[in-house]
Amino acid sequence: MKEQVSDLEQKITQLKEELEKERNEKQSSLQHVEKLKTENDNLTKQTERFKERAKNLRNENKYLKKQLAQF
């Protein structure tokens, strides 16, 4: 009987450890996903800034070509 209780306690301890390990892995994965989401958001914003800058440079180029054509 004591042996069965001891075996059950060991099994409970083992399951708790496995559960804790799994929880930590999931938490780590979740943190990684959050980091990737933030990184993606930052890259999306950066892409939008680059697009805006490219548009401005194209407009500036057109303006300068017109100015140059007047001479």
C-alpha atoms as a PDB file:
ATOM      1  CA  MET A   1       0.000   0.000   0.000  1.00  0.00           C
ATOM      2  CA  LYS A   2       2.773   2.419   0.938  1.00  0.00           C
ATOM      3  CA  GLU A   3       4.545   1.454  -2.244  1.00  0.00           C
ATOM      4  CA  GLN A   4       1.452   2.281  -4.307  1.00  0.00           C
ATOM      5  CA  VAL A   5       1.121   5.645  -2.587  1.00  0.00           C
ATOM      6  CA  SER A   6       4.797   6.331  -3.196  1.00  0.00           C
ATOM      7  CA  ASP A   7       4.458   5.329  -6.852  1.00  0.00           C
ATOM      8  CA  LEU A   8       1.432   7.574  -7.229  1.00  0.00           C
ATOM      9  CA  GLU A   9       3.243  10.474  -5.577  1.00  0.00           C
ATOM     10  CA  GLN A  10       6.167   9.971  -7.945  1.00  0.00           C
ATOM     11  CA  LYS A  11       3.818   9.885 -10.913  1.00  0.00           C
ATOM     12  CA  ILE A  12       2.066  13.044  -9.703  1.00  0.00           C
ATOM     13  CA  THR A  13       5.420  14.770  -9.278  1.00  0.00           C
ATOM     14  CA  GLN A  14       6.511  13.645 -12.733  1.00  0.00           C
ATOM     15  CA  LEU A  15       3.273  14.854 -14.307  1.00  0.00           C
ATOM     16  CA  LYS A  16       3.558  18.204 -12.529  1.00  0.00           C
ATOM     17  CA  GLU A  17       7.096  18.605 -13.851  1.00  0.00           C
ATOM     18  CA  GLU A  18       6.007  17.704 -17.377  1.00  0.00           C
ATOM     19  CA  LEU A  19       3.104  20.111 -17.145  1.00  0.00           C
ATOM     20  CA  GLU A  20       5.378  22.889 -15.894  1.00  0.00           C
ATOM     21  CA  LYS A  21       7.857  22.186 -18.690  1.00  0.00           C
ATOM     22  CA  GLU A  22       5.081  22.288 -21.287  1.00  0.00           C
ATOM     23  CA  ARG A  23       3.690  25.489 -19.808  1.00  0.00           C
ATOM     24  CA  ASN A  24       7.134  27.105 -19.948  1.00  0.00           C
ATOM     25  CA  GLU A  25       7.606  26.016 -23.554  1.00  0.00           C
ATOM     26  CA  LYS A  26       4.220  27.442 -24.519  1.00  0.00           C
ATOM     27  CA  GLN A  27       4.962  30.667 -22.677  1.00  0.00           C
ATOM     28  CA  SER A  28       8.284  30.911 -24.476  1.00  0.00           C
ATOM     29  CA  SER A  29       6.563  30.286 -27.806  1.00  0.00           C
ATOM     30  CA  LEU A  30       3.955  32.909 -27.020  1.00  0.00           C
ATOM     31  CA  GLN A  31       6.656  35.439 -26.176  1.00  0.00           C
ATOM     32  CA  HIS A  32       8.409  34.600 -29.433  1.00  0.00           C
ATOM     33  CA  VAL A  33       5.174  35.091 -31.379  1.00  0.00           C
ATOM     34  CA  GLU A  34       4.605  38.449 -29.668  1.00  0.00           C
ATOM     35  CA  LYS A  35       8.157  39.485 -30.527  1.00  0.00           C
ATOM     36  CA  LEU A  36       7.607  38.479 -34.164  1.00  0.00           C
ATOM     37  CA  LYS A  37       4.319  40.402 -34.288  1.00  0.00           C
ATOM     38  CA  THR A  38       6.055  43.512 -32.975  1.00  0.00           C
ATOM     39  CA  GLU A  39       8.885  43.048 -35.450  1.00  0.00           C
ATOM     40  CA  ASN A  40       6.367  42.625 -38.269  1.00  0.00           C
ATOM     41  CA  ASP A  41       4.496  45.768 -37.225  1.00  0.00           C
ATOM     42  CA  ASN A  42       7.752  47.724 -37.169  1.00  0.00           C
ATOM     43  CA  LEU A  43       8.741  46.422 -40.602  1.00  0.00           C
ATOM     44  CA  THR A  44       5.303  47.272 -41.970  1.00  0.00           C
ATOM     45  CA  LYS A  45       5.644  50.836 -40.679  1.00  0.00           C
ATOM     46  CA  GLN A  46       9.153  51.059 -42.100  1.00  0.00           C
ATOM     47  CA  THR A  47       7.903  49.814 -45.473  1.00  0.00           C
ATOM     48  CA  GLU A  48       5.208  52.485 -45.488  1.00  0.00           C
ATOM     49  CA  ARG A  49       7.809  55.159 -44.710  1.00  0.00           C
ATOM     50  CA  PHE A  50      10.009  53.861 -47.550  1.00  0.00           C
ATOM     51  CA  LYS A  51       7.059  53.929 -49.956  1.00  0.00           C
ATOM     52  CA  GLU A  52       6.260  57.503 -48.953  1.00  0.00           C
ATOM     53  CA  ARG A  53       9.908  58.505 -49.336  1.00  0.00           C
ATOM     54  CA  ALA A  54      10.063  56.861 -52.782  1.00  0.00           C
ATOM     55  CA  LYS A  55       6.919  58.731 -53.834  1.00  0.00           C
ATOM     56  CA  ASN A  56       8.408  62.012 -52.630  1.00  0.00           C
ATOM     57  CA  LEU A  57      11.656  61.329 -54.465  1.00  0.00           C
ATOM     58  CA  ARG A  58       9.789  60.549 -57.695  1.00  0.00           C
ATOM     59  CA  ASN A  59       7.867  63.809 -57.381  1.00  0.00           C
ATOM     60  CA  GLU A  60      11.054  65.706 -56.638  1.00  0.00           C
ATOM     61  CA  ASN A  61      12.705  64.083 -59.652  1.00  0.00           C
ATOM     62  CA  LYS A  62       9.806  65.155 -61.906  1.00  0.00           C
ATOM     63  CA  TYR A  63      10.031  68.690 -60.557  1.00  0.00           C
ATOM     64  CA  LEU A  64      13.779  68.865 -61.116  1.00  0.00           C
ATOM     65  CA  LYS A  65      13.423  67.523 -64.658  1.00  0.00           C
ATOM     66  CA  LYS A  66      10.868  70.252 -65.406  1.00  0.00           C
ATOM     67  CA  GLN A  67      13.179  72.877 -63.940  1.00  0.00           C
ATOM     68  CA  LEU A  68      16.073  71.548 -65.988  1.00  0.00           C
ATOM     69  CA  ALA A  69      13.986  71.550 -69.175  1.00  0.00           C
ATOM     70  CA  GLN A  70      13.313  75.278 -68.745  1.00  0.00           C
ATOM     71  CA  PHE A  71      17.000  76.115 -69.163  1.00  0.00           C
END
